Protein backbone atom coordinates (compact mmCIF):
# COMPACT_ATOMS: atom_id res chain seq x y z
CA MET A 1 -0.81 63.82 -12.13
CA SER A 2 2.74 63.16 -11.05
CA ALA A 3 4.15 65.48 -13.72
CA ARG A 4 1.74 68.29 -12.76
CA LEU A 5 2.83 68.06 -9.11
CA ASP A 6 6.47 67.96 -10.18
CA ASP A 7 6.85 70.69 -12.80
CA GLY A 8 4.26 73.13 -11.47
CA VAL A 9 5.31 72.89 -7.83
CA LYS A 10 9.08 72.96 -8.38
CA ASN A 11 8.93 76.48 -9.76
CA LEU A 12 6.03 77.86 -7.74
CA MET A 13 7.00 76.85 -4.19
CA PRO A 14 10.43 78.59 -4.14
CA GLN A 15 8.81 81.73 -5.58
CA ILE A 16 6.20 81.71 -2.80
CA LEU A 17 8.91 81.31 -0.16
CA LYS A 18 11.01 84.11 -1.66
CA THR A 19 7.99 86.43 -1.79
CA SER A 20 7.14 85.67 1.84
CA GLU A 21 10.48 86.81 3.22
CA THR A 22 9.33 90.37 4.01
CA GLY A 23 6.69 91.89 6.24
CA TRP A 24 6.82 89.39 9.12
CA ILE A 25 7.17 90.08 12.81
CA ALA A 26 9.08 88.09 15.44
CA ALA A 27 9.88 84.52 14.34
CA ASP A 28 6.77 84.11 12.19
CA GLN A 29 8.74 84.00 8.94
CA GLN A 30 10.95 81.17 10.19
CA GLU A 31 7.87 79.21 11.27
CA TYR A 32 6.23 79.83 7.90
CA ALA A 33 9.41 78.66 6.14
CA ARG A 34 9.41 75.48 8.26
CA VAL A 35 5.75 74.70 7.46
CA HIS A 36 6.33 75.60 3.81
CA ALA A 37 9.25 73.15 3.61
CA ARG A 38 7.12 70.44 5.24
CA PHE A 39 4.28 71.09 2.79
CA HIS A 40 6.70 71.00 -0.14
CA GLY A 41 8.10 67.69 1.12
CA GLU A 42 4.63 66.19 1.47
CA ILE A 43 3.77 67.26 -2.08
CA GLY A 44 6.95 65.49 -3.20
CA ALA A 45 5.86 62.34 -1.35
CA LEU A 46 2.42 62.52 -2.97
CA ARG A 47 4.01 63.01 -6.40
CA LYS A 48 6.23 59.97 -5.83
CA MET A 49 3.19 57.93 -4.81
CA PHE A 50 1.31 58.93 -7.98
CA ASP A 51 4.40 58.09 -10.02
CA ASP A 52 4.70 54.65 -8.41
CA ILE A 53 0.98 53.93 -8.92
CA GLY A 54 1.31 54.95 -12.58
CA LYS A 55 4.22 52.54 -13.04
CA VAL A 56 2.27 49.68 -11.47
CA LEU A 57 -0.75 50.42 -13.67
CA ASP A 58 1.51 50.48 -16.74
CA GLU A 59 2.90 47.07 -15.81
CA ILE A 60 -0.61 45.65 -15.30
CA ALA A 61 -1.72 47.07 -18.66
CA ALA A 62 1.38 45.60 -20.34
CA ALA A 63 0.62 42.22 -18.76
CA PHE A 64 -2.98 42.38 -20.05
CA ARG A 65 -1.75 43.18 -23.55
CA ALA A 66 0.80 40.37 -23.47
CA TYR A 67 -1.85 37.94 -22.16
CA TRP A 68 -4.35 38.73 -24.90
CA VAL A 69 -1.67 38.70 -27.61
CA ALA A 70 -0.60 35.24 -26.38
CA ILE A 71 -4.24 34.06 -26.33
CA THR A 72 -4.74 35.37 -29.88
CA VAL A 73 -1.60 33.65 -31.17
CA LEU A 74 -2.60 30.46 -29.33
CA GLY A 75 -6.08 30.68 -30.83
CA ALA A 76 -4.68 31.03 -34.36
CA ALA A 77 -2.31 28.09 -33.83
CA THR A 78 -5.18 26.03 -32.38
CA VAL A 79 -7.43 26.71 -35.37
CA ALA A 80 -4.60 25.72 -37.74
CA ALA A 81 -3.91 22.49 -35.81
CA LEU A 82 -7.61 21.59 -35.63
CA MET A 83 -8.00 22.22 -39.38
CA ARG A 84 -5.12 19.85 -40.01
CA ALA A 85 -6.64 17.25 -37.65
CA LEU A 86 -10.00 17.59 -39.43
CA TRP A 87 -8.26 17.19 -42.79
CA LEU A 88 -6.51 14.01 -41.54
CA LYS A 89 -9.79 12.60 -40.28
CA MET A 90 -11.30 12.94 -43.77
CA PHE A 91 -8.91 10.31 -45.25
CA PRO A 92 -10.37 6.78 -45.62
CA ALA A 93 -7.33 5.05 -44.11
CA PRO A 94 -7.98 4.19 -40.41
CA GLN A 95 -4.45 5.03 -39.25
CA THR A 96 -4.71 8.53 -40.81
CA ARG A 97 -8.05 9.08 -39.10
CA ALA A 98 -6.58 7.88 -35.81
CA LEU A 99 -3.70 10.28 -36.27
CA GLY A 100 -6.21 13.12 -36.88
CA MET A 101 -8.16 12.20 -33.72
CA LEU A 102 -4.94 12.00 -31.71
CA LEU A 103 -3.84 15.41 -33.02
CA GLU A 104 -7.25 16.83 -32.13
CA GLN A 105 -7.09 15.52 -28.55
CA LEU A 106 -3.48 16.63 -28.02
CA THR A 107 -4.26 20.09 -29.38
CA GLY A 108 -7.24 20.47 -27.03
CA ALA A 109 -5.24 19.28 -24.01
CA LYS A 110 -2.29 21.57 -24.77
CA VAL A 111 -4.54 24.58 -25.36
CA LEU A 112 -6.43 24.00 -22.10
CA THR A 113 -3.14 23.61 -20.20
CA ALA A 114 -1.65 26.77 -21.73
CA VAL A 115 -4.78 28.84 -21.08
CA THR A 116 -5.04 27.56 -17.50
CA ILE A 117 -1.41 28.35 -16.72
CA GLY A 118 -1.56 31.76 -18.45
CA THR A 119 -4.77 32.71 -16.67
CA GLY A 120 -3.34 31.58 -13.32
CA VAL A 121 -0.24 33.69 -13.83
CA MET A 122 -2.41 36.63 -14.88
CA GLY A 123 -4.60 36.22 -11.79
CA ALA A 124 -1.53 36.13 -9.52
CA LEU A 125 -0.16 39.23 -11.21
CA LEU A 126 -3.45 41.09 -10.77
CA SER A 127 -3.60 40.03 -7.12
CA LYS A 128 -0.08 41.32 -6.45
CA GLY A 129 -0.81 44.49 -8.42
CA GLY A 130 -3.93 45.06 -6.33
CA ASP A 131 -1.94 44.56 -3.13
CA THR A 132 0.68 47.03 -4.32
CA LEU A 133 -1.93 49.64 -5.25
CA THR A 134 -3.66 49.18 -1.88
CA THR A 135 -0.38 49.72 -0.05
CA MET A 136 0.34 52.84 -2.08
CA ALA A 137 -3.16 54.18 -1.46
CA LYS A 138 -2.60 53.77 2.28
CA LYS A 139 0.38 56.09 1.97
CA GLU A 140 -2.02 58.81 0.84
CA ARG A 141 -2.92 59.38 4.48
CA GLN A 142 0.44 61.10 4.91
CA PHE A 143 -0.90 63.98 2.87
CA GLY A 144 -3.71 64.28 5.40
CA TYR A 145 -1.24 65.71 7.90
CA VAL A 146 -0.72 68.68 5.60
CA ALA A 147 -4.44 69.34 5.00
CA PRO A 148 -6.27 68.17 8.17
CA THR A 149 -9.85 66.99 7.86
CA GLY A 150 -12.62 66.22 10.33
CA VAL A 151 -12.04 67.41 13.88
CA ALA A 152 -8.53 68.64 13.08
CA ALA A 153 -9.69 70.88 10.22
CA ILE A 154 -9.59 74.62 10.85
CA ASP A 155 -11.88 77.06 9.07
CA PHE A 156 -9.70 80.16 8.92
CA GLN A 157 -12.64 82.20 7.62
CA ARG A 158 -14.40 81.84 10.99
CA ALA A 159 -11.45 81.36 13.35
CA ARG A 160 -11.21 83.82 16.24
CA LEU A 161 -8.23 84.02 18.54
CA ASP A 162 -8.51 85.50 22.05
CA LEU A 163 -5.33 87.49 22.53
CA SER A 164 -6.57 89.55 25.49
CA HIS A 165 -4.36 87.73 28.02
CA TYR A 166 -1.22 88.18 25.91
CA PRO A 167 0.88 91.36 25.94
CA SER A 168 0.77 93.48 22.81
CA PHE A 169 3.69 93.03 20.46
CA ASN A 170 5.88 95.93 19.46
CA GLU A 171 8.47 95.57 16.80
CA PRO A 172 11.95 95.47 18.36
CA PRO A 173 13.82 98.76 18.09
CA ALA A 174 16.51 99.15 15.49
CA PRO A 175 20.07 99.02 16.83
CA GLY A 176 20.90 102.22 18.69
CA LYS A 177 17.25 103.28 19.06
CA LEU A 178 15.12 103.31 22.22
CA PRO A 179 12.09 101.00 22.49
CA ALA A 180 8.69 102.33 21.45
CA GLY A 181 6.93 104.16 24.29
CA SER A 182 10.20 104.97 26.11
CA GLN A 183 9.55 108.70 25.77
CA THR A 184 6.84 108.44 28.44
CA PHE A 185 9.25 107.16 31.12
CA ASP A 186 11.41 109.23 33.42
CA TRP A 187 14.81 107.78 32.66
CA ILE A 188 17.19 107.74 35.58
CA ALA A 189 20.05 105.88 33.97
CA PRO A 190 21.46 105.69 31.43
CA ASP A 191 21.19 109.21 30.26
CA VAL A 192 18.87 109.24 27.25
CA SER A 193 20.84 111.94 25.54
CA THR A 194 23.97 109.76 25.49
CA THR A 195 22.37 106.59 24.15
CA THR A 196 21.92 107.82 20.62
CA PRO A 197 24.51 106.57 18.16
């Protein structure tokens, strides 16, 4: 998701801005450029958030893999140690049997300790990872300023603006030209015939 927002937007947004540079009136183009830059910045923030969440998820997945690899290796070592303890307990000599029982008890205690510590560390890691993901998800609300929802949302398909109390807009005259509609006035000064370039 981060890559799609990065590669696709980097090329498209400047093209949109370049295409929008003609056909505007008054300061509308500057306002559009400002909003466009804000939107582009917010997309960059969203992309960064997705990138950060992806990195956290990768770390959590790597921790899971490392945990289960360690449990598998520990399980194999435990089976080998218990087989040896069982083999020692099969000898008729009492000291060899005692050594087998001692090895069996030590192996069980060490395995339980290792699994408890490893699981505790894994639980702490998952807790911190969850906190980090929650914090990053809260940042998603920033994107809500770009696309308002609820009461702030505007349906431009049905929007109607009442412009009756505003004066009509005429494009400013080119340098050296008279304003539109000036032919209907009786000019007293300056002399219209001398104002042409």
